[in-house]
Amino acid sequence: MSELVTLAEIRAAQARIAGVAVKTPLVRLDVPGLDFELWVKCESAQPIGSFKLRGAYNMVAQLPADALGRGVITYSSGNHAQGVAYAARALGAKGVIVMPDNAPEVKIEATRALGAEVVFVGPASSARKEKAEELAEKFGYTIIPPYDHPHIIAGQATCGLEIVEEMPDAGLVISPVSGGGLLSGVATAVRLASMERGTNTRVWGAEPELAADAKESFDTKTLVEWPAAKTTRTISDGLRTQSLGKRNFEHILRYVDGIVTVSEDEILEAMRVMLRHSDLVPEPSGAATTAAALFHAKELPQVEKVVVVLSGRNVEPVLLEKLREEVATG
């Protein structure tokens, strides 16, 4: 397919999104009994509550004026929807979002609050993509894909670049993986930037075992697709994509060291740990990385400093309240 994203393109994206996306902090998570330092890259601090603003703005900002005038469209279960809606509003363009009818209400309302028009389809990620393509053809919208585009990968990669710049001695970075935009970007940035510095930071992905298409693809070196009936079983609504993007898979095969899967119970317990030991608000998709670090350390490289990417904070209020009550009473 296309050439892989370069470090120069990632640095250009970093300059392009500056002042719109936030340079998010690294926060130490002091959990008793760990043999390593655990740090959280808090993408929850972005204006939309997730990393998706990085890639969305990086792509929308590069559109010519006539394309912006016609508007942009995307297909998303939530966080990318808000990223595109935010970017479109910031750049004066119409935003249309195709969402699954089982998307969390908190993400639907947040997308509408940013001024976007929301169109609903069934739960299959393929159905979302097909509807977006249909509307783009009809109205002349530019499709802003959730993950499978070099501008999206370069934008998400800025998260990894910030990690290397702030903590060059990190031994391992763990990113969530679904369609692969974040993992492919973070891995590309971390590996290229750390090699440039003469260090060797490893990068692993984490995903729910109920939606483990990425791990199967990585292990078999063959791009596979899982049915929506399987991937929608996980509580991690942002990690239900049925397959990695083709470009993302290329980057992941080149730069990622491994992918580990976590159970639903581990994701929920990781959320409780984060609520108990920090002021962070994790959504299930973002907590998968902490679950990997806490419960699968023996499967991962043994290092002194681990950075987990908390990809977002857009959790359903009912679930958040339930977990907070459990932490308070436990």
Protein backbone atom coordinates (compact mmCIF):
# COMPACT_ATOMS: atom_id res chain seq x y z
CA MET A 1 0.00 0.00 0.00
CA SER A 2 1.35 3.45 0.87
CA GLU A 3 4.71 4.20 2.42
CA LEU A 4 4.89 4.18 6.19
CA VAL A 5 4.45 7.46 8.09
CA THR A 6 7.78 9.17 8.81
CA LEU A 7 9.09 10.92 11.90
CA ALA A 8 9.16 14.18 9.91
CA GLU A 9 5.43 13.80 9.14
CA ILE A 10 4.71 13.15 12.79
CA ARG A 11 6.62 16.26 13.85
CA ALA A 12 4.74 18.28 11.21
CA ALA A 13 1.47 16.96 12.67
CA GLN A 14 2.66 17.96 16.15
CA ALA A 15 3.16 21.54 14.97
CA ARG A 16 -0.17 21.54 13.10
CA ILE A 17 -2.32 20.45 16.05
CA ALA A 18 -0.52 22.63 18.63
CA GLY A 19 -2.97 24.96 20.32
CA VAL A 20 -5.91 22.69 19.50
CA ALA A 21 -4.95 19.32 20.96
CA VAL A 22 -3.40 19.35 24.43
CA LYS A 23 0.08 18.10 25.27
CA THR A 24 -1.22 15.66 27.87
CA PRO A 25 0.52 14.87 31.16
CA LEU A 26 2.22 11.72 32.38
CA VAL A 27 0.87 10.80 35.83
CA ARG A 28 2.47 8.28 38.20
CA LEU A 29 0.06 5.58 39.35
CA ASP A 30 1.30 4.44 42.76
CA VAL A 31 -0.08 0.91 43.10
CA PRO A 32 1.36 -1.16 45.96
CA GLY A 33 3.30 -4.30 45.07
CA LEU A 34 4.43 -3.43 41.57
CA ASP A 35 8.00 -4.23 40.48
CA PHE A 36 8.08 -1.25 38.10
CA GLU A 37 7.02 2.37 37.92
CA LEU A 38 3.62 2.72 36.27
CA TRP A 39 2.91 5.97 34.44
CA VAL A 40 -0.29 7.00 32.69
CA LYS A 41 -0.36 9.11 29.52
CA CYS A 42 -3.57 11.00 30.16
CA GLU A 43 -5.31 11.46 26.82
CA SER A 44 -8.38 11.92 28.97
CA ALA A 45 -7.16 15.52 29.35
CA GLN A 46 -7.93 16.36 25.70
CA PRO A 47 -10.80 18.85 25.15
CA ILE A 48 -13.05 16.03 23.91
CA GLY A 49 -11.84 13.60 26.58
CA SER A 50 -9.88 11.33 24.23
CA PHE A 51 -6.86 11.11 21.91
CA LYS A 52 -9.02 11.16 18.78
CA LEU A 53 -8.75 14.93 18.39
CA ARG A 54 -5.10 14.55 17.35
CA GLY A 55 -5.71 12.59 14.17
CA ALA A 56 -9.02 14.21 13.28
CA TYR A 57 -7.68 17.74 13.43
CA ASN A 58 -4.47 16.80 11.65
CA MET A 59 -6.49 15.53 8.68
CA VAL A 60 -9.28 18.11 8.57
CA ALA A 61 -6.77 20.97 8.85
CA GLN A 62 -5.07 19.79 5.66
CA LEU A 63 -8.23 19.91 3.51
CA PRO A 64 -8.51 22.61 0.84
CA ALA A 65 -11.07 25.38 1.31
CA ASP A 66 -13.56 23.95 -1.19
CA ALA A 67 -13.60 20.58 0.61
CA LEU A 68 -14.11 22.30 3.97
CA GLY A 69 -17.00 24.21 2.41
CA ARG A 70 -18.78 20.98 1.46
CA GLY A 71 -18.27 19.45 4.90
CA VAL A 72 -16.77 16.32 6.41
CA ILE A 73 -18.22 12.98 7.46
CA THR A 74 -17.00 10.05 9.51
CA TYR A 75 -18.17 6.77 11.02
CA SER A 76 -17.49 6.17 14.70
CA SER A 77 -18.70 4.61 17.94
CA GLY A 78 -18.02 7.84 19.76
CA ASN A 79 -14.60 9.32 20.44
CA HIS A 80 -13.55 9.77 16.80
CA ALA A 81 -16.99 11.27 16.21
CA GLN A 82 -16.26 13.95 18.77
CA GLY A 83 -12.77 14.48 17.34
CA VAL A 84 -14.13 15.15 13.85
CA ALA A 85 -17.00 17.26 15.20
CA TYR A 86 -14.57 19.38 17.23
CA ALA A 87 -12.16 19.76 14.30
CA ALA A 88 -14.98 20.65 11.90
CA ARG A 89 -16.35 23.29 14.25
CA ALA A 90 -12.86 24.73 14.85
CA LEU A 91 -12.29 25.03 11.09
CA GLY A 92 -15.80 26.24 10.18
CA ALA A 93 -16.93 23.09 8.36
CA LYS A 94 -20.14 21.05 8.60
CA GLY A 95 -19.65 17.74 10.40
CA VAL A 96 -21.76 14.61 9.86
CA ILE A 97 -21.24 11.51 12.00
CA VAL A 98 -22.49 7.98 11.32
CA MET A 99 -22.76 6.16 14.65
CA PRO A 100 -23.95 2.69 15.72
CA ASP A 101 -27.32 2.61 17.44
CA ASN A 102 -25.68 1.00 20.48
CA ALA A 103 -23.18 3.83 21.05
CA PRO A 104 -23.04 5.15 24.64
CA GLU A 105 -25.49 7.99 25.19
CA VAL A 106 -22.73 10.11 26.73
CA LYS A 107 -20.78 9.98 23.44
CA ILE A 108 -23.86 10.65 21.29
CA GLU A 109 -24.81 13.74 23.28
CA ALA A 110 -21.23 15.01 23.37
CA THR A 111 -21.03 14.72 19.58
CA ARG A 112 -24.29 16.62 19.09
CA ALA A 113 -23.16 19.27 21.55
CA LEU A 114 -20.23 20.01 19.23
CA GLY A 115 -22.67 20.86 16.45
CA ALA A 116 -22.46 17.70 14.36
CA GLU A 117 -25.35 15.95 12.64
CA VAL A 118 -25.65 12.31 13.82
CA VAL A 119 -26.92 9.48 11.58
CA PHE A 120 -27.55 6.03 13.10
CA VAL A 121 -27.01 2.54 11.63
CA GLY A 122 -26.67 -0.97 13.11
CA PRO A 123 -23.78 -2.13 15.30
CA ALA A 124 -21.49 -3.50 12.56
CA SER A 125 -18.51 -1.24 11.85
CA SER A 126 -18.83 -2.18 8.16
CA ALA A 127 -22.36 -0.73 8.10
CA ARG A 128 -21.09 2.59 9.48
CA LYS A 129 -18.45 2.83 6.79
CA GLU A 130 -20.88 1.98 3.98
CA LYS A 131 -23.38 4.63 5.12
CA ALA A 132 -20.67 7.28 5.34
CA GLU A 133 -19.51 6.44 1.81
CA GLU A 134 -23.10 6.67 0.55
CA LEU A 135 -23.66 10.12 2.08
CA ALA A 136 -20.24 11.37 0.96
CA GLU A 137 -21.07 10.39 -2.62
CA LYS A 138 -24.47 12.10 -2.41
CA PHE A 139 -23.45 15.38 -0.77
CA GLY A 140 -19.75 15.75 -1.59
CA TYR A 141 -18.51 15.36 1.99
CA THR A 142 -14.89 14.40 2.62
CA ILE A 143 -14.62 11.18 4.62
CA ILE A 144 -12.38 11.45 7.69
CA PRO A 145 -11.67 7.78 8.43
CA PRO A 146 -11.25 6.73 12.06
CA TYR A 147 -7.85 5.11 11.65
CA ASP A 148 -6.83 3.91 8.17
CA HIS A 149 -5.22 7.04 6.74
CA PRO A 150 -1.66 8.42 6.99
CA HIS A 151 -2.85 11.81 8.31
CA ILE A 152 -4.80 10.06 11.07
CA ILE A 153 -1.85 7.83 11.96
CA ALA A 154 0.53 10.81 12.03
CA GLY A 155 -1.86 12.75 14.25
CA GLN A 156 -2.28 9.92 16.76
CA ALA A 157 1.49 9.38 16.64
CA THR A 158 2.02 12.75 18.32
CA CYS A 159 0.89 11.07 21.55
CA GLY A 160 3.84 8.69 21.31
CA LEU A 161 6.22 11.48 20.38
CA GLU A 162 5.26 13.35 23.56
CA ILE A 163 5.95 10.24 25.65
CA VAL A 164 9.49 9.92 24.28
CA GLU A 165 10.14 13.65 24.70
CA GLU A 166 8.97 13.67 28.32
CA MET A 167 10.18 10.23 29.43
CA PRO A 168 12.97 9.02 27.11
CA ASP A 169 13.97 6.30 29.59
CA ALA A 170 10.58 4.55 29.50
CA GLY A 171 11.18 0.88 28.82
CA LEU A 172 7.69 -0.02 27.60
CA VAL A 173 4.67 1.82 26.22
CA ILE A 174 1.28 0.08 26.08
CA SER A 175 -1.45 1.41 23.79
CA PRO A 176 -5.02 0.19 23.33
CA VAL A 177 -5.78 -1.28 19.92
CA SER A 178 -9.00 -1.52 17.92
CA GLY A 179 -8.81 -0.25 14.35
CA GLY A 180 -5.16 0.47 15.04
CA GLY A 181 -4.91 4.23 14.61
CA LEU A 182 -3.50 4.90 18.07
CA LEU A 183 -1.29 1.81 18.34
CA SER A 184 0.17 2.21 14.84
CA GLY A 185 0.85 5.89 15.44
CA VAL A 186 2.25 5.55 18.94
CA ALA A 187 4.44 2.62 17.94
CA THR A 188 5.81 4.43 14.89
CA ALA A 189 6.61 7.57 16.87
CA VAL A 190 8.05 5.80 19.90
CA ARG A 191 10.23 3.42 17.93
CA LEU A 192 11.56 6.02 15.48
CA ALA A 193 12.09 8.74 18.10
CA SER A 194 13.71 6.39 20.63
CA MET A 195 16.02 4.94 17.98
CA GLU A 196 17.01 8.48 17.02
CA ARG A 197 17.95 9.04 20.68
CA GLY A 198 19.83 5.75 20.89
CA THR A 199 17.32 4.13 23.25
CA ASN A 200 15.11 1.07 22.80
CA THR A 201 11.60 1.66 24.12
CA ARG A 202 9.29 -1.27 23.36
CA VAL A 203 5.65 -0.89 22.33
CA TRP A 204 2.84 -3.35 22.99
CA GLY A 205 -0.87 -3.24 22.26
CA ALA A 206 -3.69 -4.22 24.62
CA GLU A 207 -7.20 -5.27 23.66
CA PRO A 208 -10.14 -7.19 25.18
CA GLU A 209 -10.01 -10.94 24.77
CA LEU A 210 -13.64 -10.72 23.61
CA ALA A 211 -12.55 -8.55 20.66
CA ALA A 212 -9.08 -9.94 19.98
CA ASP A 213 -8.96 -9.63 16.20
CA ALA A 214 -5.82 -7.48 16.36
CA LYS A 215 -3.91 -10.06 18.39
CA GLU A 216 -4.97 -12.81 15.98
CA SER A 217 -3.88 -10.67 13.04
CA PHE A 218 -0.55 -9.85 14.70
CA ASP A 219 0.20 -13.43 15.74
CA THR A 220 -0.70 -14.93 12.35
CA LYS A 221 0.71 -11.99 10.34
CA THR A 222 -2.57 -12.11 8.39
CA LEU A 223 -5.25 -9.43 8.58
CA VAL A 224 -8.40 -11.04 10.00
CA GLU A 225 -11.90 -9.75 10.67
CA TRP A 226 -14.16 -10.74 13.54
CA PRO A 227 -17.97 -10.53 13.27
CA ALA A 228 -19.71 -7.68 15.09
CA ALA A 229 -21.61 -10.25 17.16
CA LYS A 230 -18.27 -11.17 18.78
CA THR A 231 -16.56 -7.80 19.15
CA THR A 232 -19.63 -6.06 20.60
CA ARG A 233 -19.53 -8.37 23.63
CA THR A 234 -16.86 -6.29 25.33
CA ILE A 235 -17.66 -3.44 27.68
CA SER A 236 -14.91 -1.47 25.91
CA ASP A 237 -17.10 0.21 23.30
CA GLY A 238 -14.13 1.99 21.73
CA LEU A 239 -12.36 -1.33 21.05
CA ARG A 240 -15.15 -3.13 19.17
CA THR A 241 -13.81 -2.56 15.65
CA GLN A 242 -13.93 -5.80 13.68
CA SER A 243 -10.55 -5.51 11.97
CA LEU A 244 -7.37 -3.47 11.89
CA GLY A 245 -7.03 -1.00 9.04
CA LYS A 246 -4.67 -2.12 6.27
CA ARG A 247 -2.23 0.79 6.73
CA ASN A 248 -2.41 0.42 10.48
CA PHE A 249 -1.59 -3.28 10.20
CA GLU A 250 1.51 -2.47 8.11
CA HIS A 251 2.77 -0.06 10.77
CA ILE A 252 1.93 -2.46 13.60
CA LEU A 253 3.82 -5.33 11.96
CA ARG A 254 6.84 -3.05 11.52
CA TYR A 255 6.97 -1.32 14.91
CA VAL A 256 4.90 -3.20 17.53
CA ASP A 257 6.55 -5.86 19.71
CA GLY A 258 3.41 -7.71 20.76
CA ILE A 259 -0.28 -7.57 21.66
CA VAL A 260 -1.76 -8.84 24.91
CA THR A 261 -5.44 -9.45 25.65
CA VAL A 262 -7.30 -8.69 28.87
CA SER A 263 -10.55 -9.99 30.35
CA GLU A 264 -13.65 -7.96 31.14
CA ASP A 265 -13.05 -8.45 34.88
CA GLU A 266 -9.47 -7.20 34.49
CA ILE A 267 -10.66 -4.08 32.67
CA LEU A 268 -13.18 -3.29 35.40
CA GLU A 269 -10.62 -3.92 38.15
CA ALA A 270 -8.12 -1.68 36.35
CA MET A 271 -10.75 1.06 36.35
CA ARG A 272 -11.23 0.57 40.10
CA VAL A 273 -7.47 0.73 40.66
CA MET A 274 -7.23 4.00 38.74
CA LEU A 275 -10.16 5.48 40.65
CA ARG A 276 -8.66 4.31 43.96
CA HIS A 277 -5.10 5.53 43.39
CA SER A 278 -5.56 8.65 41.27
CA ASP A 279 -7.93 11.43 40.25
CA LEU A 280 -8.15 10.01 36.73
CA VAL A 281 -11.47 9.03 35.14
CA PRO A 282 -10.93 6.05 32.83
CA GLU A 283 -13.30 4.70 30.22
CA PRO A 284 -13.14 0.90 29.76
CA SER A 285 -11.31 1.15 26.42
CA GLY A 286 -8.62 3.29 28.01
CA ALA A 287 -8.28 1.07 31.07
CA ALA A 288 -7.33 -1.97 28.96
CA THR A 289 -3.69 -0.83 28.99
CA THR A 290 -3.58 -0.53 32.77
CA ALA A 291 -5.18 -3.98 32.97
CA ALA A 292 -2.39 -5.33 30.79
CA ALA A 293 0.30 -3.77 32.97
CA LEU A 294 -1.28 -4.92 36.25
CA PHE A 295 -2.38 -8.45 35.36
CA HIS A 296 -0.15 -9.55 32.47
CA ALA A 297 3.25 -8.23 33.53
CA LYS A 298 4.86 -11.68 33.06
CA GLU A 299 3.86 -11.65 29.38
CA LEU A 300 5.43 -8.23 28.85
CA PRO A 301 9.06 -7.03 28.75
CA GLN A 302 10.53 -6.65 32.25
CA VAL A 303 11.45 -2.96 32.53
CA GLU A 304 11.75 -0.28 35.20
CA LYS A 305 9.26 2.22 33.73
CA VAL A 306 6.00 1.37 31.97
CA VAL A 307 3.79 4.00 30.32
CA VAL A 308 0.17 3.07 29.62
CA VAL A 309 -1.95 5.23 27.34
CA LEU A 310 -5.29 6.14 28.91
CA SER A 311 -7.04 6.81 25.62
CA GLY A 312 -10.15 8.47 27.02
CA ARG A 313 -12.46 9.34 29.91
CA ASN A 314 -15.86 9.14 28.19
CA VAL A 315 -17.40 6.49 30.42
CA GLU A 316 -21.13 5.97 30.95
CA PRO A 317 -22.09 7.85 34.17
CA VAL A 318 -23.99 4.85 35.57
CA LEU A 319 -20.93 2.59 35.27
CA LEU A 320 -18.63 5.25 36.71
CA GLU A 321 -20.89 5.77 39.72
CA LYS A 322 -21.15 2.02 40.31
CA LEU A 323 -17.36 1.61 40.28
CA ARG A 324 -16.85 4.62 42.56
CA GLU A 325 -19.28 3.13 45.05
CA GLU A 326 -17.42 -0.19 44.94
CA VAL A 327 -14.11 1.60 45.54
CA ALA A 328 -15.55 3.58 48.43
CA THR A 329 -17.03 0.53 50.13
CA GLY A 330 -14.25 -1.92 49.24
